[in-house]
C-alpha atoms as a PDB file:
ATOM      1  CA  UNK A   1       0.000   0.000   0.000  1.00  0.00           C
ATOM      2  CA  UNK A   2       1.285   3.438  -0.905  1.00  0.00           C
ATOM      3  CA  UNK A   3       2.605   5.680   1.859  1.00  0.00           C
ATOM      4  CA  UNK A   4       3.550   9.332   2.232  1.00  0.00           C
ATOM      5  CA  UNK A   5       7.120   8.446   1.244  1.00  0.00           C
ATOM      6  CA  UNK A   6       5.802   6.911  -1.953  1.00  0.00           C
ATOM      7  CA  UNK A   7       3.879  10.078  -2.738  1.00  0.00           C
ATOM      8  CA  UNK A   8       6.983  12.162  -2.089  1.00  0.00           C
ATOM      9  CA  UNK A   9       8.866  10.053  -4.616  1.00  0.00           C
ATOM     10  CA  UNK A  10       6.083  10.526  -7.181  1.00  0.00           C
ATOM     11  CA  UNK A  11       6.026  14.249  -6.496  1.00  0.00           C
ATOM     12  CA  UNK A  12       9.746  14.540  -7.149  1.00  0.00           C
ATOM     13  CA  UNK A  13       9.728  12.536 -10.368  1.00  0.00           C
ATOM     14  CA  UNK A  14       6.302  12.996 -12.037  1.00  0.00           C
ATOM     15  CA  UNK A  15       5.745  16.722 -12.261  1.00  0.00           C
ATOM     16  CA  UNK A  16       3.258  16.354 -15.140  1.00  0.00           C
ATOM     17  CA  UNK A  17       1.010  13.860 -13.297  1.00  0.00           C
ATOM     18  CA  UNK A  18      -2.662  14.544 -14.043  1.00  0.00           C
ATOM     19  CA  UNK A  19      -4.596  11.719 -12.331  1.00  0.00           C
ATOM     20  CA  UNK A  20      -4.091  10.551  -8.743  1.00  0.00           C
ATOM     21  CA  UNK A  21      -6.257   7.768  -7.310  1.00  0.00           C
ATOM     22  CA  UNK A  22      -5.710   7.128  -3.588  1.00  0.00           C
ATOM     23  CA  UNK A  23      -9.069   5.491  -2.872  1.00  0.00           C
ATOM     24  CA  UNK A  24      -8.985   3.891   0.584  1.00  0.00           C
ATOM     25  CA  UNK A  25      -5.249   4.544   0.913  1.00  0.00           C
ATOM     26  CA  UNK A  26      -5.396   4.731   4.682  1.00  0.00           C
ATOM     27  CA  UNK A  27      -1.657   5.162   5.208  1.00  0.00           C
ATOM     28  CA  UNK A  28      -1.634   8.495   3.396  1.00  0.00           C
ATOM     29  CA  UNK A  29      -1.715  11.669   5.493  1.00  0.00           C
ATOM     30  CA  UNK A  30      -1.640  15.402   4.833  1.00  0.00           C
ATOM     31  CA  UNK A  31       2.147  15.170   4.575  1.00  0.00           C
ATOM     32  CA  UNK A  32       1.945  13.112   1.394  1.00  0.00           C
ATOM     33  CA  UNK A  33      -0.811  15.212  -0.173  1.00  0.00           C
ATOM     34  CA  UNK A  34       1.076  18.439   0.511  1.00  0.00           C
ATOM     35  CA  UNK A  35       4.116  16.983  -1.249  1.00  0.00           C
ATOM     36  CA  UNK A  36       2.138  15.787  -4.264  1.00  0.00           C
ATOM     37  CA  UNK A  37       0.326  19.116  -4.639  1.00  0.00           C
ATOM     38  CA  UNK A  38       3.644  20.965  -4.603  1.00  0.00           C
ATOM     39  CA  UNK A  39       5.376  18.599  -7.013  1.00  0.00           C
ATOM     40  CA  UNK A  40       2.484  17.934  -9.390  1.00  0.00           C
ATOM     41  CA  UNK A  41       0.746  21.256 -10.057  1.00  0.00           C
ATOM     42  CA  UNK A  42      -0.929  19.936 -13.239  1.00  0.00           C
ATOM     43  CA  UNK A  43      -3.196  17.499 -11.381  1.00  0.00           C
ATOM     44  CA  UNK A  44      -6.692  17.382 -12.850  1.00  0.00           C
ATOM     45  CA  UNK A  45      -8.268  14.399 -11.056  1.00  0.00           C
ATOM     46  CA  UNK A  46      -7.710  13.561  -7.377  1.00  0.00           C
ATOM     47  CA  UNK A  47      -9.398  10.814  -5.360  1.00  0.00           C
ATOM     48  CA  UNK A  48      -8.574  10.581  -1.645  1.00  0.00           C
ATOM     49  CA  UNK A  49     -11.871   8.975  -0.644  1.00  0.00           C
ATOM     50  CA  UNK A  50     -12.252   7.148   2.664  1.00  0.00           C
ATOM     51  CA  UNK A  51      -9.257   8.423   4.559  1.00  0.00           C
ATOM     52  CA  UNK A  52      -9.714   9.678   8.108  1.00  0.00           C
ATOM     53  CA  UNK A  53      -6.181  11.147   8.120  1.00  0.00           C
ATOM     54  CA  UNK A  54      -6.891  13.768   5.487  1.00  0.00           C
ATOM     55  CA  UNK A  55      -7.744  17.244   6.801  1.00  0.00           C
ATOM     56  CA  UNK A  56      -8.288  20.739   5.437  1.00  0.00           C
ATOM     57  CA  UNK A  57      -4.510  21.055   5.166  1.00  0.00           C
ATOM     58  CA  UNK A  58      -4.589  18.708   2.170  1.00  0.00           C
ATOM     59  CA  UNK A  59      -7.256  20.735   0.407  1.00  0.00           C
ATOM     60  CA  UNK A  60      -5.414  23.986   1.011  1.00  0.00           C
ATOM     61  CA  UNK A  61      -2.406  22.436  -0.735  1.00  0.00           C
ATOM     62  CA  UNK A  62      -4.468  20.925  -3.565  1.00  0.00           C
ATOM     63  CA  UNK A  63      -6.004  24.325  -4.235  1.00  0.00           C
ATOM     64  CA  UNK A  64      -2.661  25.240  -5.814  1.00  0.00           C
ATOM     65  CA  UNK A  65      -3.468  22.710  -8.562  1.00  0.00           C
ATOM     66  CA  UNK A  66      -5.561  25.154 -10.521  1.00  0.00           C
ATOM     67  CA  UNK A  67      -6.304  22.700 -13.361  1.00  0.00           C
ATOM     68  CA  UNK A  68      -8.206  20.444 -10.966  1.00  0.00           C
ATOM     69  CA  UNK A  69     -11.455  19.188 -12.533  1.00  0.00           C
ATOM     70  CA  UNK A  70     -12.479  16.258 -10.327  1.00  0.00           C
ATOM     71  CA  UNK A  71     -12.142  15.975  -6.553  1.00  0.00           C
ATOM     72  CA  UNK A  72     -13.389  12.964  -4.608  1.00  0.00           C
ATOM     73  CA  UNK A  73     -13.172  13.390  -0.844  1.00  0.00           C
ATOM     74  CA  UNK A  74     -16.031  11.185   0.303  1.00  0.00           C
ATOM     75  CA  UNK A  75     -15.503   9.544   3.652  1.00  0.00           C
ATOM     76  CA  UNK A  76     -12.953  12.131   4.814  1.00  0.00           C
ATOM     77  CA  UNK A  77     -14.690  13.263   8.018  1.00  0.00           C
ATOM     78  CA  UNK A  78     -11.988  15.723   9.093  1.00  0.00           C
ATOM     79  CA  UNK A  79     -12.476  17.923   6.042  1.00  0.00           C
ATOM     80  CA  UNK A  80     -14.685  20.990   6.519  1.00  0.00           C
ATOM     81  CA  UNK A  81     -15.849  23.988   4.519  1.00  0.00           C
ATOM     82  CA  UNK A  82     -12.528  25.634   5.397  1.00  0.00           C
ATOM     83  CA  UNK A  83     -10.646  23.292   3.089  1.00  0.00           C
ATOM     84  CA  UNK A  84     -13.386  23.269   0.491  1.00  0.00           C
ATOM     85  CA  UNK A  85     -13.419  27.059   0.343  1.00  0.00           C
ATOM     86  CA  UNK A  86      -9.776  27.047  -0.730  1.00  0.00           C
ATOM     87  CA  UNK A  87     -10.595  24.652  -3.566  1.00  0.00           C
ATOM     88  CA  UNK A  88     -13.570  26.689  -4.756  1.00  0.00           C
ATOM     89  CA  UNK A  89     -11.670  29.974  -4.603  1.00  0.00           C
ATOM     90  CA  UNK A  90      -8.701  28.813  -6.679  1.00  0.00           C
ATOM     91  CA  UNK A  91      -9.759  25.790  -8.768  1.00  0.00           C
ATOM     92  CA  UNK A  92     -12.031  27.482 -11.289  1.00  0.00           C
ATOM     93  CA  UNK A  93     -12.202  24.435 -13.591  1.00  0.00           C
ATOM     94  CA  UNK A  94     -13.757  22.140 -10.985  1.00  0.00           C
ATOM     95  CA  UNK A  95     -16.488  20.048 -12.643  1.00  0.00           C
ATOM     96  CA  UNK A  96     -17.060  17.033 -10.364  1.00  0.00           C
ATOM     97  CA  UNK A  97     -17.178  16.979  -6.565  1.00  0.00           C
ATOM     98  CA  UNK A  98     -17.945  14.089  -4.213  1.00  0.00           C
ATOM     99  CA  UNK A  99     -18.414  15.155  -0.583  1.00  0.00           C
ATOM    100  CA  UNK A 100     -20.451  12.214   0.688  1.00  0.00           C
ATOM    101  CA  UNK A 101     -19.759  11.596   4.386  1.00  0.00           C
ATOM    102  CA  UNK A 102     -17.890  14.867   4.798  1.00  0.00           C
ATOM    103  CA  UNK A 103     -19.937  15.566   7.896  1.00  0.00           C
ATOM    104  CA  UNK A 104     -18.340  18.935   8.645  1.00  0.00           C
ATOM    105  CA  UNK A 105     -19.135  20.519   5.276  1.00  0.00           C
ATOM    106  CA  UNK A 106     -22.141  22.805   5.680  1.00  0.00           C
ATOM    107  CA  UNK A 107     -24.085  25.610   4.013  1.00  0.00           C
ATOM    108  CA  UNK A 108     -21.057  27.890   3.979  1.00  0.00           C
ATOM    109  CA  UNK A 109     -19.285  25.436   1.710  1.00  0.00           C
ATOM    110  CA  UNK A 110     -22.275  25.279  -0.642  1.00  0.00           C
ATOM    111  CA  UNK A 111     -22.608  29.056  -0.815  1.00  0.00           C
ATOM    112  CA  UNK A 112     -18.934  29.357  -1.693  1.00  0.00           C
ATOM    113  CA  UNK A 113     -19.344  26.691  -4.367  1.00  0.00           C
ATOM    114  CA  UNK A 114     -22.194  28.712  -5.850  1.00  0.00           C
ATOM    115  CA  UNK A 115     -20.097  31.877  -5.801  1.00  0.00           C
ATOM    116  CA  UNK A 116     -16.882  30.491  -7.245  1.00  0.00           C
ATOM    117  CA  UNK A 117     -17.510  27.146  -9.007  1.00  0.00           C
ATOM    118  CA  UNK A 118     -19.785  27.992 -11.888  1.00  0.00           C
ATOM    119  CA  UNK A 119     -18.264  25.192 -13.996  1.00  0.00           C
ATOM    120  CA  UNK A 120     -19.441  22.505 -11.569  1.00  0.00           C
ATOM    121  CA  UNK A 121     -21.431  19.826 -13.422  1.00  0.00           C
ATOM    122  CA  UNK A 122     -21.827  17.063 -10.851  1.00  0.00           C
ATOM    123  CA  UNK A 123     -21.972  16.859  -7.067  1.00  0.00           C
ATOM    124  CA  UNK A 124     -22.618  13.989  -4.679  1.00  0.00           C
ATOM    125  CA  UNK A 125     -24.160  15.566  -1.630  1.00  0.00           C
ATOM    126  CA  UNK A 126     -24.937  12.926   0.987  1.00  0.00           C
ATOM    127  CA  UNK A 127     -24.438  12.553   4.729  1.00  0.00           C
ATOM    128  CA  UNK A 128     -23.193  16.101   5.267  1.00  0.00           C
ATOM    129  CA  UNK A 129     -24.410  19.127   7.243  1.00  0.00           C
ATOM    130  CA  UNK A 130     -26.135  21.037   4.463  1.00  0.00           C
ATOM    131  CA  UNK A 131     -29.602  22.570   4.914  1.00  0.00           C
ATOM    132  CA  UNK A 132     -32.143  24.089   2.531  1.00  0.00           C
ATOM    133  CA  UNK A 133     -30.089  27.296   2.446  1.00  0.00           C
ATOM    134  CA  UNK A 134     -26.996  25.591   1.054  1.00  0.00           C
ATOM    135  CA  UNK A 135     -28.889  23.422  -1.407  1.00  0.00           C
ATOM    136  CA  UNK A 136     -30.854  26.331  -2.852  1.00  0.00           C
ATOM    137  CA  UNK A 137     -27.597  28.249  -3.287  1.00  0.00           C
ATOM    138  CA  UNK A 138     -26.364  25.474  -5.602  1.00  0.00           C
ATOM    139  CA  UNK A 139     -29.272  26.165  -7.946  1.00  0.00           C
ATOM    140  CA  UNK A 140     -27.427  29.246  -9.185  1.00  0.00           C
ATOM    141  CA  UNK A 141     -24.710  27.064 -10.750  1.00  0.00           C
ATOM    142  CA  UNK A 142     -25.831  27.117 -14.367  1.00  0.00           C
ATOM    143  CA  UNK A 143     -23.640  24.186 -15.443  1.00  0.00           C
ATOM    144  CA  UNK A 144     -24.931  21.819 -12.746  1.00  0.00           C
ATOM    145  CA  UNK A 145     -26.386  18.708 -14.406  1.00  0.00           C
ATOM    146  CA  UNK A 146     -26.179  15.808 -11.942  1.00  0.00           C
ATOM    147  CA  UNK A 147     -26.769  15.734  -8.188  1.00  0.00           C
ATOM    148  CA  UNK A 148     -27.166  12.916  -5.657  1.00  0.00           C
ATOM    149  CA  UNK A 149     -28.796  13.669  -2.299  1.00  0.00           C
ATOM    150  CA  UNK A 150     -29.135  11.018   0.403  1.00  0.00           C
ATOM    151  CA  UNK A 151     -29.408  11.254   4.177  1.00  0.00           C
ATOM    152  CA  UNK A 152     -28.973  15.005   4.487  1.00  0.00           C
ATOM    153  CA  UNK A 153     -30.927  15.617   7.677  1.00  0.00           C
ATOM    154  CA  UNK A 154     -31.038  19.397   7.326  1.00  0.00           C
ATOM    155  CA  UNK A 155     -33.080  19.301   4.118  1.00  0.00           C
ATOM    156  CA  UNK A 156     -36.853  19.656   3.921  1.00  0.00           C
ATOM    157  CA  UNK A 157     -39.259  18.845   1.122  1.00  0.00           C
ATOM    158  CA  UNK A 158     -39.894  22.572   0.637  1.00  0.00           C
ATOM    159  CA  UNK A 159     -36.200  23.282   0.249  1.00  0.00           C
ATOM    160  CA  UNK A 160     -35.737  20.394  -2.155  1.00  0.00           C
ATOM    161  CA  UNK A 161     -38.724  21.538  -4.226  1.00  0.00           C
ATOM    162  CA  UNK A 162     -37.362  25.085  -4.392  1.00  0.00           C
ATOM    163  CA  UNK A 163     -33.985  23.749  -5.530  1.00  0.00           C
ATOM    164  CA  UNK A 164     -35.522  21.614  -8.269  1.00  0.00           C
ATOM    165  CA  UNK A 165     -37.567  24.517  -9.614  1.00  0.00           C
ATOM    166  CA  UNK A 166     -34.627  26.924  -9.569  1.00  0.00           C
ATOM    167  CA  UNK A 167     -32.096  24.572 -11.203  1.00  0.00           C
ATOM    168  CA  UNK A 168     -32.534  25.136 -14.913  1.00  0.00           C
ATOM    169  CA  UNK A 169     -30.099  22.638 -16.425  1.00  0.00           C
ATOM    170  CA  UNK A 170     -30.347  19.497 -14.312  1.00  0.00           C
ATOM    171  CA  UNK A 171     -30.459  16.275 -16.333  1.00  0.00           C
ATOM    172  CA  UNK A 172     -30.316  13.693 -13.518  1.00  0.00           C
ATOM    173  CA  UNK A 173     -31.250  13.840  -9.844  1.00  0.00           C
ATOM    174  CA  UNK A 174     -30.879  10.934  -7.414  1.00  0.00           C
ATOM    175  CA  UNK A 175     -32.959  11.280  -4.261  1.00  0.00           C
ATOM    176  CA  UNK A 176     -33.782   9.278  -1.181  1.00  0.00           C
ATOM    177  CA  UNK A 177     -37.146   7.578  -1.619  1.00  0.00           C
ATOM    178  CA  UNK A 178     -38.392   9.105   1.651  1.00  0.00           C
ATOM    179  CA  UNK A 179     -38.977  12.371  -0.265  1.00  0.00           C
ATOM    180  CA  UNK A 180     -41.046  10.797  -3.047  1.00  0.00           C
ATOM    181  CA  UNK A 181     -44.385  11.224  -1.292  1.00  0.00           C
ATOM    182  CA  UNK A 182     -43.468  14.753  -0.124  1.00  0.00           C
ATOM    183  CA  UNK A 183     -42.565  16.348  -3.458  1.00  0.00           C
ATOM    184  CA  UNK A 184     -45.679  17.343  -5.452  1.00  0.00           C
ATOM    185  CA  UNK A 185     -46.114  15.110  -8.486  1.00  0.00           C
ATOM    186  CA  UNK A 186     -46.587  18.175 -10.693  1.00  0.00           C
ATOM    187  CA  UNK A 187     -43.040  19.253  -9.767  1.00  0.00           C
ATOM    188  CA  UNK A 188     -41.602  15.903 -10.794  1.00  0.00           C
ATOM    189  CA  UNK A 189     -43.613  16.027 -14.011  1.00  0.00           C
ATOM    190  CA  UNK A 190     -42.284  19.503 -14.693  1.00  0.00           C
ATOM    191  CA  UNK A 191     -38.708  18.291 -14.172  1.00  0.00           C
ATOM    192  CA  UNK A 192     -39.278  15.394 -16.563  1.00  0.00           C
ATOM    193  CA  UNK A 193     -40.677  17.660 -19.268  1.00  0.00           C
ATOM    194  CA  UNK A 194     -37.482  19.702 -18.959  1.00  0.00           C
ATOM    195  CA  UNK A 195     -35.458  16.559 -19.664  1.00  0.00           C
ATOM    196  CA  UNK A 196     -34.414  15.770 -16.101  1.00  0.00           C
ATOM    197  CA  UNK A 197     -34.501  12.160 -14.906  1.00  0.00           C
ATOM    198  CA  UNK A 198     -35.473  11.832 -11.237  1.00  0.00           C
ATOM    199  CA  UNK A 199     -34.306   8.583  -9.628  1.00  0.00           C
ATOM    200  CA  UNK A 200     -35.725   7.504  -6.252  1.00  0.00           C
ATOM    201  CA  UNK A 201     -33.651   5.091  -4.209  1.00  0.00           C
ATOM    202  CA  UNK A 202     -34.077   3.337  -0.891  1.00  0.00           C
ATOM    203  CA  UNK A 203     -30.667   3.692   0.677  1.00  0.00           C
ATOM    204  CA  UNK A 204     -30.114   2.615   4.257  1.00  0.00           C
ATOM    205  CA  UNK A 205     -28.004   4.901   6.399  1.00  0.00           C
ATOM    206  CA  UNK A 206     -24.739   3.106   7.087  1.00  0.00           C
ATOM    207  CA  UNK A 207     -24.063   2.770  10.784  1.00  0.00           C
ATOM    208  CA  UNK A 208     -20.311   3.190  10.527  1.00  0.00           C
ATOM    209  CA  UNK A 209     -18.945   6.695   9.886  1.00  0.00           C
ATOM    210  CA  UNK A 210     -15.871   5.144   8.269  1.00  0.00           C
ATOM    211  CA  UNK A 211     -17.449   2.802   5.650  1.00  0.00           C
END
């Protein structure tokens, strides 16, 4: 399994690296990510999903990779809107973001996304601390096409309805089935006539915060 020392070696020898997949690489810490961000400024795709060692420090460093298009940080519970705000402020080409199980990311992070990440096309927004306020802010992202929303306790059916109506270019929405009876059928019909596929899924809330 790759370690921080391995990442330091890559950083020193692969300056043009564009894709970095560290999915479930639990021996990696901020130290390795800081090194790779410094040595590989052309990174476009980064996956550090499911790593409880990664903190906002890593995202601050990755924000220097201004060509970044895809960032997967699901299952990184120590990351907050502080780190995300650095990404949104500096990585203007960001198109895909996965923040599932980033429990500390809240409305502030979503508002900053709306302000700075107008190229965002896809977001996985599940098991985080976002409320109606943050979700509705995302509706102002004109490029947003795909969104997945599961087990976000701060959301209400009214907020979700307002988001759906305000988002003009959505093509696919995945929602927890618990909302199906709460969203007016005329709203869903309206979304479908606009070319948006609404997918309802029964997804159990995983008991472990680390899975």
